[in-house]
Structures are given as C-alpha cells and as structure tokens.
C-alpha cells in the first residue's frame, strides 16, 4: 500500500510494528514475507504501535 494506512480510513489498530531480531537486508516496501516472532500488546508506550512483533525472523 503506497499510501499511509489512515488515508483509507483505517486506524492504528489495523497495523503491526515489526522489530527484527537481526537486521534484515534486501526487503522492499510492500514486499510480502512470512515472519515468526513474539506478539506483544502495547498499551503504554506512545512511541510504538498498539500491536508489535518483536524478535521477528523471516520464515522460509
């Protein structure tokens, strides 16, 4: 999606923040990959999205 998620009327609950365990190289915008990681709910830290996947790794 080349536009911001909220332009289509969606809210912050419609996106997930992904933090990779290791720096991933070669990924491009809108590229689809499968990942594994730990899903976390964020209720307190306004610097991050509501839903996060931390320690993510690309699943092949």
C-alpha atoms as a PDB file:
ATOM      1  CA  UNK A   1       0.000   0.000   0.000  1.00  0.00           C
ATOM      2  CA  UNK A   2       1.851   3.107  -1.170  1.00  0.00           C
ATOM      3  CA  UNK A   3      -0.211   5.465   0.987  1.00  0.00           C
ATOM      4  CA  UNK A   4      -0.459   5.949   4.728  1.00  0.00           C
ATOM      5  CA  UNK A   5      -2.796   3.454   6.387  1.00  0.00           C
ATOM      6  CA  UNK A   6      -5.005   6.206   7.802  1.00  0.00           C
ATOM      7  CA  UNK A   7      -5.712   7.762   4.381  1.00  0.00           C
ATOM      8  CA  UNK A   8      -8.140   4.927   3.684  1.00  0.00           C
ATOM      9  CA  UNK A   9      -9.998   5.459   6.961  1.00  0.00           C
ATOM     10  CA  UNK A  10      -8.140   2.784   8.934  1.00  0.00           C
ATOM     11  CA  UNK A  11      -6.832   3.378  12.409  1.00  0.00           C
ATOM     12  CA  UNK A  12      -3.713   2.367  14.326  1.00  0.00           C
ATOM     13  CA  UNK A  13      -5.383  -0.927  15.240  1.00  0.00           C
ATOM     14  CA  UNK A  14      -5.049  -2.049  11.623  1.00  0.00           C
ATOM     15  CA  UNK A  15      -1.225  -2.157  11.526  1.00  0.00           C
ATOM     16  CA  UNK A  16       1.537  -4.118  13.246  1.00  0.00           C
ATOM     17  CA  UNK A  17       5.018  -2.887  14.094  1.00  0.00           C
ATOM     18  CA  UNK A  18       7.754  -5.416  13.346  1.00  0.00           C
ATOM     19  CA  UNK A  19      11.127  -5.383  15.079  1.00  0.00           C
ATOM     20  CA  UNK A  20      13.547  -7.895  13.566  1.00  0.00           C
ATOM     21  CA  UNK A  21      15.901  -9.899  15.739  1.00  0.00           C
ATOM     22  CA  UNK A  22      18.712  -9.373  13.224  1.00  0.00           C
ATOM     23  CA  UNK A  23      18.991  -6.584  10.709  1.00  0.00           C
ATOM     24  CA  UNK A  24      17.241  -7.768   7.551  1.00  0.00           C
ATOM     25  CA  UNK A  25      18.728  -6.575   4.277  1.00  0.00           C
ATOM     26  CA  UNK A  26      17.113  -6.512   0.881  1.00  0.00           C
ATOM     27  CA  UNK A  27      13.496  -6.048   1.942  1.00  0.00           C
ATOM     28  CA  UNK A  28      11.473  -3.550  -0.052  1.00  0.00           C
ATOM     29  CA  UNK A  29       8.254  -1.660   0.624  1.00  0.00           C
ATOM     30  CA  UNK A  30       5.159  -3.807   0.004  1.00  0.00           C
ATOM     31  CA  UNK A  31       7.253  -6.990  -0.242  1.00  0.00           C
ATOM     32  CA  UNK A  32       5.426  -9.938   1.271  1.00  0.00           C
ATOM     33  CA  UNK A  33       7.320 -12.265   3.575  1.00  0.00           C
ATOM     34  CA  UNK A  34       6.392 -14.717   6.302  1.00  0.00           C
ATOM     35  CA  UNK A  35       7.794 -13.986   9.721  1.00  0.00           C
ATOM     36  CA  UNK A  36       7.972 -15.571  13.151  1.00  0.00           C
ATOM     37  CA  UNK A  37       8.342 -13.631  16.361  1.00  0.00           C
ATOM     38  CA  UNK A  38       6.757 -12.704  19.677  1.00  0.00           C
ATOM     39  CA  UNK A  39       3.457 -10.817  19.515  1.00  0.00           C
ATOM     40  CA  UNK A  40       3.098  -8.078  22.138  1.00  0.00           C
ATOM     41  CA  UNK A  41       0.260  -5.737  23.003  1.00  0.00           C
ATOM     42  CA  UNK A  42       1.343  -2.173  23.730  1.00  0.00           C
ATOM     43  CA  UNK A  43      -0.881  -0.103  25.991  1.00  0.00           C
ATOM     44  CA  UNK A  44       1.616   2.366  27.448  1.00  0.00           C
ATOM     45  CA  UNK A  45       4.426   3.378  25.089  1.00  0.00           C
ATOM     46  CA  UNK A  46       3.232   6.061  22.658  1.00  0.00           C
ATOM     47  CA  UNK A  47       6.482   5.714  20.692  1.00  0.00           C
ATOM     48  CA  UNK A  48       5.294   2.339  19.340  1.00  0.00           C
ATOM     49  CA  UNK A  49       2.168   0.935  17.677  1.00  0.00           C
ATOM     50  CA  UNK A  50      -0.602  -0.908  19.543  1.00  0.00           C
ATOM     51  CA  UNK A  51       0.477  -4.295  18.176  1.00  0.00           C
ATOM     52  CA  UNK A  52       4.100  -5.346  17.869  1.00  0.00           C
ATOM     53  CA  UNK A  53       6.027  -8.382  16.755  1.00  0.00           C
ATOM     54  CA  UNK A  54       9.460  -8.402  18.375  1.00  0.00           C
ATOM     55  CA  UNK A  55      12.468 -10.647  17.725  1.00  0.00           C
ATOM     56  CA  UNK A  56      10.998 -11.327  14.279  1.00  0.00           C
ATOM     57  CA  UNK A  57      12.785 -13.539  11.784  1.00  0.00           C
ATOM     58  CA  UNK A  58      11.876 -14.241   8.184  1.00  0.00           C
ATOM     59  CA  UNK A  59      10.305 -17.674   7.901  1.00  0.00           C
ATOM     60  CA  UNK A  60      11.171 -19.600   4.756  1.00  0.00           C
END
